[in-house]
Every structure is written in C-alpha cells, then in structure tokens.
C-alpha cells in the first residue's frame, strides 16, 4: 500500500493514523505503567486533530520515516525529511 504513494503528495489518512499510533507507542515506551497510560490517554483525546494536521502538513516521505522509526530519536530525525 505504501509503495503506491508518491513523494511530495499528501499522506493517506490510514498512514497518518498509523504514524500517530506509532508515535504514541514510542512516547509511552519505557515509561512506568501509570505514566504510559497518561501519555496514551492524553494523545487519544486529540488524535483526530493530529491525523488531520498530519494530512495537511506532512509529506508521504515524512510519514513513512515516522512509521519506520524504532525510537524517539529516530522519530525526531524524521522532522527533517521532506
């Protein structure tokens, strides 16, 4: 599915959803359970808005990079991917 997407185009809603979910998981990873739950709950309340912003402001390359990120530093490095 990702191969069908071109560079520079707006990312698909499903891919932005995956990116947001993955980002939330990376943010919660390694945190103690109460903190991880707070992180997940906080993002859950604004997820729809985050997906919409992702579609408007990110490129397919950026979203692919973020989905593939193994940790927060790798995720942050995706900010420079256009």
PDB file of N, CA and C in Angstrom:
ATOM      1  N   UNK A   1       0.821  -1.196   0.000  1.00  0.00           N
ATOM      2  CA  UNK A   1       0.000   0.000   0.000  1.00  0.00           C
ATOM      3  C   UNK A   1       0.859   1.252   0.000  1.00  0.00           C
ATOM      4  N   UNK A   2       1.903   1.285   0.816  1.00  0.00           N
ATOM      5  CA  UNK A   2       2.765   2.460   0.869  1.00  0.00           C
ATOM      6  C   UNK A   2       3.512   2.691  -0.436  1.00  0.00           C
ATOM      7  N   UNK A   3       3.790   1.648  -1.195  1.00  0.00           N
ATOM      8  CA  UNK A   3       4.518   1.798  -2.438  1.00  0.00           C
ATOM      9  C   UNK A   3       3.726   2.565  -3.485  1.00  0.00           C
ATOM     10  N   UNK A   4       2.431   2.555  -3.385  1.00  0.00           N
ATOM     11  CA  UNK A   4       1.598   3.248  -4.351  1.00  0.00           C
ATOM     12  C   UNK A   4       1.598   4.756  -4.139  1.00  0.00           C
ATOM     13  N   UNK A   5       2.074   5.201  -3.010  1.00  0.00           N
ATOM     14  CA  UNK A   5       2.074   6.619  -2.704  1.00  0.00           C
ATOM     15  C   UNK A   5       3.304   7.280  -3.296  1.00  0.00           C
ATOM     16  N   UNK A   6       3.127   8.461  -3.846  1.00  0.00           N
ATOM     17  CA  UNK A   6       4.249   9.172  -4.443  1.00  0.00           C
ATOM     18  C   UNK A   6       4.888  10.139  -3.478  1.00  0.00           C
ATOM     19  N   UNK A   7       6.093  10.547  -3.801  1.00  0.00           N
ATOM     20  CA  UNK A   7       6.816  11.506  -2.967  1.00  0.00           C
ATOM     21  C   UNK A   7       6.212  12.895  -3.120  1.00  0.00           C
ATOM     22  N   UNK A   8       6.152  13.643  -2.050  1.00  0.00           N
ATOM     23  CA  UNK A   8       5.672  15.011  -2.093  1.00  0.00           C
ATOM     24  C   UNK A   8       4.163  15.151  -2.014  1.00  0.00           C
ATOM     25  N   UNK A   9       3.429  14.070  -2.159  1.00  0.00           N
ATOM     26  CA  UNK A   9       1.974  14.115  -2.077  1.00  0.00           C
ATOM     27  C   UNK A   9       1.546  14.082  -0.620  1.00  0.00           C
ATOM     28  N   UNK A  10       0.290  14.423  -0.414  1.00  0.00           N
ATOM     29  CA  UNK A  10      -0.256  14.321   0.936  1.00  0.00           C
ATOM     30  C   UNK A  10      -0.360  12.855   1.319  1.00  0.00           C
ATOM     31  N   UNK A  11      -0.054  12.545   2.560  1.00  0.00           N
ATOM     32  CA  UNK A  11      -0.183  11.160   3.010  1.00  0.00           C
ATOM     33  C   UNK A  11      -1.651  10.758   3.148  1.00  0.00           C
ATOM     34  N   UNK A  12      -1.881   9.468   3.055  1.00  0.00           N
ATOM     35  CA  UNK A  12      -3.232   8.924   3.220  1.00  0.00           C
ATOM     36  C   UNK A  12      -3.630   8.979   4.696  1.00  0.00           C
ATOM     37  N   UNK A  13      -4.911   9.073   4.935  1.00  0.00           N
ATOM     38  CA  UNK A  13      -5.430   9.113   6.307  1.00  0.00           C
ATOM     39  C   UNK A  13      -4.974   7.886   7.099  1.00  0.00           C
ATOM     40  N   UNK A  14      -5.032   6.706   6.499  1.00  0.00           N
ATOM     41  CA  UNK A  14      -4.612   5.482   7.195  1.00  0.00           C
ATOM     42  C   UNK A  14      -3.145   5.547   7.609  1.00  0.00           C
ATOM     43  N   UNK A  15      -2.310   6.087   6.730  1.00  0.00           N
ATOM     44  CA  UNK A  15      -0.889   6.188   7.062  1.00  0.00           C
ATOM     45  C   UNK A  15      -0.656   7.206   8.176  1.00  0.00           C
ATOM     46  N   UNK A  16      -1.389   8.303   8.158  1.00  0.00           N
ATOM     47  CA  UNK A  16      -1.267   9.275   9.249  1.00  0.00           C
ATOM     48  C   UNK A  16      -1.748   8.665  10.560  1.00  0.00           C
ATOM     49  N   UNK A  17      -2.817   7.880  10.493  1.00  0.00           N
ATOM     50  CA  UNK A  17      -3.309   7.203  11.691  1.00  0.00           C
ATOM     51  C   UNK A  17      -2.235   6.266  12.241  1.00  0.00           C
ATOM     52  N   UNK A  18      -1.588   5.504  11.356  1.00  0.00           N
ATOM     53  CA  UNK A  18      -0.507   4.610  11.779  1.00  0.00           C
ATOM     54  C   UNK A  18       0.639   5.394  12.395  1.00  0.00           C
ATOM     55  N   UNK A  19       0.987   6.532  11.782  1.00  0.00           N
ATOM     56  CA  UNK A  19       2.082   7.346  12.291  1.00  0.00           C
ATOM     57  C   UNK A  19       1.768   7.863  13.696  1.00  0.00           C
ATOM     58  N   UNK A  20       0.558   8.342  13.901  1.00  0.00           N
ATOM     59  CA  UNK A  20       0.166   8.866  15.212  1.00  0.00           C
ATOM     60  C   UNK A  20       0.175   7.742  16.243  1.00  0.00           C
ATOM     61  N   UNK A  21      -0.398   6.600  15.909  1.00  0.00           N
ATOM     62  CA  UNK A  21      -0.400   5.462  16.840  1.00  0.00           C
ATOM     63  C   UNK A  21       1.025   5.040  17.193  1.00  0.00           C
ATOM     64  N   UNK A  22       1.881   4.966  16.194  1.00  0.00           N
ATOM     65  CA  UNK A  22       3.271   4.565  16.414  1.00  0.00           C
ATOM     66  C   UNK A  22       3.992   5.605  17.280  1.00  0.00           C
ATOM     67  N   UNK A  23       3.750   6.866  17.022  1.00  0.00           N
ATOM     68  CA  UNK A  23       4.368   7.938  17.808  1.00  0.00           C
ATOM     69  C   UNK A  23       3.945   7.875  19.273  1.00  0.00           C
ATOM     70  N   UNK A  24       2.674   7.590  19.500  1.00  0.00           N
ATOM     71  CA  UNK A  24       2.159   7.453  20.865  1.00  0.00           C
ATOM     72  C   UNK A  24       2.840   6.281  21.559  1.00  0.00           C
ATOM     73  N   UNK A  25       2.942   5.161  20.848  1.00  0.00           N
ATOM     74  CA  UNK A  25       3.605   3.983  21.421  1.00  0.00           C
ATOM     75  C   UNK A  25       5.064   4.279  21.759  1.00  0.00           C
ATOM     76  N   UNK A  26       5.761   4.975  20.873  1.00  0.00           N
ATOM     77  CA  UNK A  26       7.165   5.312  21.146  1.00  0.00           C
ATOM     78  C   UNK A  26       7.276   6.246  22.353  1.00  0.00           C
ATOM     79  N   UNK A  27       6.344   7.197  22.471  1.00  0.00           N
ATOM     80  CA  UNK A  27       6.371   8.122  23.602  1.00  0.00           C
ATOM     81  C   UNK A  27       6.125   7.390  24.927  1.00  0.00           C
ATOM     82  N   UNK A  28       5.280   6.367  24.893  1.00  0.00           N
ATOM     83  CA  UNK A  28       4.942   5.630  26.110  1.00  0.00           C
ATOM     84  C   UNK A  28       5.958   4.530  26.428  1.00  0.00           C
ATOM     85  N   UNK A  29       6.702   4.103  25.419  1.00  0.00           N
ATOM     86  CA  UNK A  29       7.661   3.005  25.574  1.00  0.00           C
ATOM     87  C   UNK A  29       8.710   3.344  26.637  1.00  0.00           C
ATOM     88  N   UNK A  30       8.919   2.401  27.528  1.00  0.00           N
ATOM     89  CA  UNK A  30       9.933   2.590  28.560  1.00  0.00           C
ATOM     90  C   UNK A  30       9.453   3.392  29.768  1.00  0.00           C
ATOM     91  N   UNK A  31       8.236   3.878  29.722  1.00  0.00           N
ATOM     92  CA  UNK A  31       7.678   4.625  30.848  1.00  0.00           C
ATOM     93  C   UNK A  31       7.030   3.637  31.820  1.00  0.00           C
ATOM     94  N   UNK A  32       6.953   4.037  33.064  1.00  0.00           N
ATOM     95  CA  UNK A  32       6.215   3.216  34.028  1.00  0.00           C
ATOM     96  C   UNK A  32       4.749   3.217  33.628  1.00  0.00           C
ATOM     97  N   UNK A  33       4.043   2.164  33.993  1.00  0.00           N
ATOM     98  CA  UNK A  33       2.663   1.965  33.554  1.00  0.00           C
ATOM     99  C   UNK A  33       1.756   3.179  33.784  1.00  0.00           C
ATOM    100  N   UNK A  34       1.741   3.805  34.962  1.00  0.00           N
ATOM    101  CA  UNK A  34       0.847   4.963  35.131  1.00  0.00           C
ATOM    102  C   UNK A  34       1.182   6.092  34.155  1.00  0.00           C
ATOM    103  N   UNK A  35       2.460   6.341  33.947  1.00  0.00           N
ATOM    104  CA  UNK A  35       2.872   7.410  33.033  1.00  0.00           C
ATOM    105  C   UNK A  35       2.493   7.052  31.602  1.00  0.00           C
ATOM    106  N   UNK A  36       2.712   5.816  31.199  1.00  0.00           N
ATOM    107  CA  UNK A  36       2.359   5.372  29.853  1.00  0.00           C
ATOM    108  C   UNK A  36       0.860   5.536  29.606  1.00  0.00           C
ATOM    109  N   UNK A  37       0.048   5.211  30.615  1.00  0.00           N
ATOM    110  CA  UNK A  37      -1.414   5.357  30.476  1.00  0.00           C
ATOM    111  C   UNK A  37      -1.800   6.820  30.311  1.00  0.00           C
ATOM    112  N   UNK A  38      -1.154   7.711  31.040  1.00  0.00           N
ATOM    113  CA  UNK A  38      -1.441   9.142  30.932  1.00  0.00           C
ATOM    114  C   UNK A  38      -1.063   9.651  29.539  1.00  0.00           C
ATOM    115  N   UNK A  39       0.090   9.223  29.046  1.00  0.00           N
ATOM    116  CA  UNK A  39       0.532   9.629  27.707  1.00  0.00           C
ATOM    117  C   UNK A  39      -0.486   9.167  26.666  1.00  0.00           C
ATOM    118  N   UNK A  40      -0.862   7.908  26.720  1.00  0.00           N
ATOM    119  CA  UNK A  40      -1.811   7.357  25.747  1.00  0.00           C
ATOM    120  C   UNK A  40      -3.168   8.044  25.833  1.00  0.00           C
ATOM    121  N   UNK A  41      -3.639   8.288  27.035  1.00  0.00           N
ATOM    122  CA  UNK A  41      -4.943   8.943  27.217  1.00  0.00           C
ATOM    123  C   UNK A  41      -4.907  10.378  26.702  1.00  0.00           C
ATOM    124  N   UNK A  42      -3.817  11.063  26.968  1.00  0.00           N
ATOM    125  CA  UNK A  42      -3.692  12.442  26.515  1.00  0.00           C
ATOM    126  C   UNK A  42      -3.722  12.544  24.997  1.00  0.00           C
ATOM    127  N   UNK A  43      -2.999  11.669  24.331  1.00  0.00           N
ATOM    128  CA  UNK A  43      -2.990  11.683  22.875  1.00  0.00           C
ATOM    129  C   UNK A  43      -4.310  11.210  22.287  1.00  0.00           C
ATOM    130  N   UNK A  44      -4.953  10.260  22.939  1.00  0.00           N
ATOM    131  CA  UNK A  44      -6.218   9.733  22.429  1.00  0.00           C
ATOM    132  C   UNK A  44      -7.258  10.838  22.286  1.00  0.00           C
ATOM    133  N   UNK A  45      -7.237  11.789  23.202  1.00  0.00           N
ATOM    134  CA  UNK A  45      -8.233  12.857  23.184  1.00  0.00           C
ATOM    135  C   UNK A  45      -8.033  13.844  22.028  1.00  0.00           C
ATOM    136  N   UNK A  46      -6.844  13.879  21.458  1.00  0.00           N
ATOM    137  CA  UNK A  46      -6.586  14.814  20.356  1.00  0.00           C
ATOM    138  C   UNK A  46      -6.163  14.101  19.063  1.00  0.00           C
ATOM    139  N   UNK A  47      -6.295  12.788  19.039  1.00  0.00           N
ATOM    140  CA  UNK A  47      -5.814  12.001  17.897  1.00  0.00           C
ATOM    141  C   UNK A  47      -6.446  12.436  16.572  1.00  0.00           C
ATOM    142  N   UNK A  48      -7.742  12.665  16.553  1.00  0.00           N
ATOM    143  CA  UNK A  48      -8.410  13.064  15.313  1.00  0.00           C
ATOM    144  C   UNK A  48      -7.795  14.340  14.760  1.00  0.00           C
ATOM    145  N   UNK A  49      -7.549  15.303  15.627  1.00  0.00           N
ATOM    146  CA  UNK A  49      -6.927  16.555  15.192  1.00  0.00           C
ATOM    147  C   UNK A  49      -5.508  16.323  14.693  1.00  0.00           C
ATOM    148  N   UNK A  50      -4.770  15.438  15.358  1.00  0.00           N
ATOM    149  CA  UNK A  50      -3.406  15.143  14.941  1.00  0.00           C
ATOM    150  C   UNK A  50      -3.378  14.492  13.562  1.00  0.00           C
ATOM    151  N   UNK A  51      -4.315  13.608  13.290  1.00  0.00           N
ATOM    152  CA  UNK A  51      -4.383  12.955  11.980  1.00  0.00           C
ATOM    153  C   UNK A  51      -4.679  13.996  10.903  1.00  0.00           C
ATOM    154  N   UNK A  52      -5.621  14.889  11.163  1.00  0.00           N
ATOM    155  CA  UNK A  52      -5.949  15.944  10.195  1.00  0.00           C
ATOM    156  C   UNK A  52      -4.739  16.837   9.917  1.00  0.00           C
ATOM    157  N   UNK A  53      -4.027  17.209  10.969  1.00  0.00           N
ATOM    158  CA  UNK A  53      -2.817  18.029  10.802  1.00  0.00           C
ATOM    159  C   UNK A  53      -1.753  17.277  10.026  1.00  0.00           C
ATOM    160  N   UNK A  54      -1.631  15.996  10.279  1.00  0.00           N
ATOM    161  CA  UNK A  54      -0.671  15.163   9.564  1.00  0.00           C
ATOM    162  C   UNK A  54      -0.941  15.205   8.066  1.00  0.00           C
ATOM    163  N   UNK A  55      -2.184  15.028   7.687  1.00  0.00           N
ATOM    164  CA  UNK A  55      -2.559  15.019   6.269  1.00  0.00           C
ATOM    165  C   UNK A  55      -2.216  16.355   5.619  1.00  0.00           C
ATOM    166  N   UNK A  56      -2.496  17.447   6.305  1.00  0.00           N
ATOM    167  CA  UNK A  56      -2.286  18.786   5.757  1.00  0.00           C
ATOM    168  C   UNK A  56      -0.819  19.200   5.708  1.00  0.00           C
ATOM    169  N   UNK A  57      -0.031  18.799   6.714  1.00  0.00           N
ATOM    170  CA  UNK A  57       1.292  19.387   6.883  1.00  0.00           C
ATOM    171  C   UNK A  57       2.474  18.464   6.605  1.00  0.00           C
ATOM    172  N   UNK A  58       2.246  17.181   6.389  1.00  0.00           N
ATOM    173  CA  UNK A  58       3.349  16.244   6.201  1.00  0.00           C
ATOM    174  C   UNK A  58       3.387  15.697   4.789  1.00  0.00           C
ATOM    175  N   UNK A  59       4.540  15.184   4.422  1.00  0.00           N
ATOM    176  CA  UNK A  59       4.692  14.518   3.136  1.00  0.00           C
ATOM    177  C   UNK A  59       4.639  13.011   3.350  1.00  0.00           C
ATOM    178  N   UNK A  60       4.472  12.289   2.267  1.00  0.00           N
ATOM    179  CA  UNK A  60       4.470  10.829   2.330  1.00  0.00           C
ATOM    180  C   UNK A  60       5.803  10.339   2.890  1.00  0.00           C
ATOM    181  N   UNK A  61       6.908  10.944   2.448  1.00  0.00           N
ATOM    182  CA  UNK A  61       8.238  10.537   2.926  1.00  0.00           C
ATOM    183  C   UNK A  61       8.360  10.703   4.433  1.00  0.00           C
ATOM    184  N   UNK A  62       7.878  11.826   4.954  1.00  0.00           N
ATOM    185  CA  UNK A  62       7.945  12.083   6.398  1.00  0.00           C
ATOM    186  C   UNK A  62       7.159  11.027   7.167  1.00  0.00           C
ATOM    187  N   UNK A  63       5.955  10.730   6.710  1.00  0.00           N
ATOM    188  CA  UNK A  63       5.097   9.765   7.391  1.00  0.00           C
ATOM    189  C   UNK A  63       5.711   8.369   7.353  1.00  0.00           C
ATOM    190  N   UNK A  64       6.258   7.973   6.203  1.00  0.00           N
ATOM    191  CA  UNK A  64       6.919   6.668   6.089  1.00  0.00           C
ATOM    192  C   UNK A  64       8.091   6.583   7.064  1.00  0.00           C
ATOM    193  N   UNK A  65       8.862   7.652   7.145  1.00  0.00           N
ATOM    194  CA  UNK A  65      10.006   7.703   8.060  1.00  0.00           C
ATOM    195  C   UNK A  65       9.533   7.525   9.499  1.00  0.00           C
ATOM    196  N   UNK A  66       8.495   8.243   9.869  1.00  0.00           N
ATOM    197  CA  UNK A  66       7.985   8.181  11.246  1.00  0.00           C
ATOM    198  C   UNK A  66       7.439   6.800  11.587  1.00  0.00           C
ATOM    199  N   UNK A  67       6.758   6.175  10.652  1.00  0.00           N
ATOM    200  CA  UNK A  67       6.220   4.839  10.896  1.00  0.00           C
ATOM    201  C   UNK A  67       7.349   3.831  11.094  1.00  0.00           C
ATOM    202  N   UNK A  68       8.451   4.043  10.394  1.00  0.00           N
ATOM    203  CA  UNK A  68       9.587   3.119  10.478  1.00  0.00           C
ATOM    204  C   UNK A  68      10.507   3.395  11.669  1.00  0.00           C
ATOM    205  N   UNK A  69      10.327   4.526  12.336  1.00  0.00           N
ATOM    206  CA  UNK A  69      11.212   4.903  13.443  1.00  0.00           C
ATOM    207  C   UNK A  69      11.168   3.877  14.571  1.00  0.00           C
ATOM    208  N   UNK A  70      12.356   3.506  15.039  1.00  0.00           N
ATOM    209  CA  UNK A  70      12.456   2.495  16.097  1.00  0.00           C
ATOM    210  C   UNK A  70      12.424   3.096  17.496  1.00  0.00           C
ATOM    211  N   UNK A  71      12.688   4.401  17.589  1.00  0.00           N
ATOM    212  CA  UNK A  71      12.718   5.053  18.900  1.00  0.00           C
ATOM    213  C   UNK A  71      12.464   6.551  18.722  1.00  0.00           C
ATOM    214  N   UNK A  72      12.387   7.278  19.844  1.00  0.00           N
ATOM    215  CA  UNK A  72      12.090   8.710  19.767  1.00  0.00           C
ATOM    216  C   UNK A  72      13.153   9.516  19.026  1.00  0.00           C
ATOM    217  N   UNK A  73      14.465   9.245  19.215  1.00  0.00           N
ATOM    218  CA  UNK A  73      15.445   9.993  18.427  1.00  0.00           C
ATOM    219  C   UNK A  73      15.271   9.794  16.918  1.00  0.00           C
ATOM    220  N   UNK A  74      14.957   8.577  16.503  1.00  0.00           N
ATOM    221  CA  UNK A  74      14.720   8.318  15.081  1.00  0.00           C
ATOM    222  C   UNK A  74      13.457   9.037  14.606  1.00  0.00           C
ATOM    223  N   UNK A  75      12.441   9.063  15.438  1.00  0.00           N
ATOM    224  CA  UNK A  75      11.209   9.775  15.116  1.00  0.00           C
ATOM    225  C   UNK A  75      11.483  11.268  14.963  1.00  0.00           C
ATOM    226  N   UNK A  76      12.259  11.831  15.878  1.00  0.00           N
ATOM    227  CA  UNK A  76      12.601  13.255  15.805  1.00  0.00           C
ATOM    228  C   UNK A  76      13.410  13.567  14.552  1.00  0.00           C
ATOM    229  N   UNK A  77      14.273  12.639  14.129  1.00  0.00           N
ATOM    230  CA  UNK A  77      15.075  12.840  12.932  1.00  0.00           C
ATOM    231  C   UNK A  77      14.189  12.940  11.682  1.00  0.00           C
ATOM    232  N   UNK A  78      13.021  12.365  11.731  1.00  0.00           N
ATOM    233  CA  UNK A  78      12.107  12.418  10.586  1.00  0.00           C
ATOM    234  C   UNK A  78      11.595  13.835  10.339  1.00  0.00           C
ATOM    235  N   UNK A  79      11.706  14.728  11.298  1.00  0.00           N
ATOM    236  CA  UNK A  79      11.259  16.098  11.113  1.00  0.00           C
ATOM    237  C   UNK A  79      11.966  16.788   9.942  1.00  0.00           C
ATOM    238  N   UNK A  80      13.177  16.350   9.649  1.00  0.00           N
ATOM    239  CA  UNK A  80      13.932  16.977   8.558  1.00  0.00           C
ATOM    240  C   UNK A  80      13.676  16.316   7.208  1.00  0.00           C
ATOM    241  N   UNK A  81      12.860  15.264   7.192  1.00  0.00           N
ATOM    242  CA  UNK A  81      12.534  14.575   5.941  1.00  0.00           C
ATOM    243  C   UNK A  81      11.387  15.301   5.261  1.00  0.00           C
ATOM    244  N   UNK A  82      11.595  15.667   4.024  1.00  0.00           N
ATOM    245  CA  UNK A  82      10.525  16.340   3.273  1.00  0.00           C
ATOM    246  C   UNK A  82       9.956  15.365   2.324  1.00  0.00           C
TER     247      UNK A  82
END
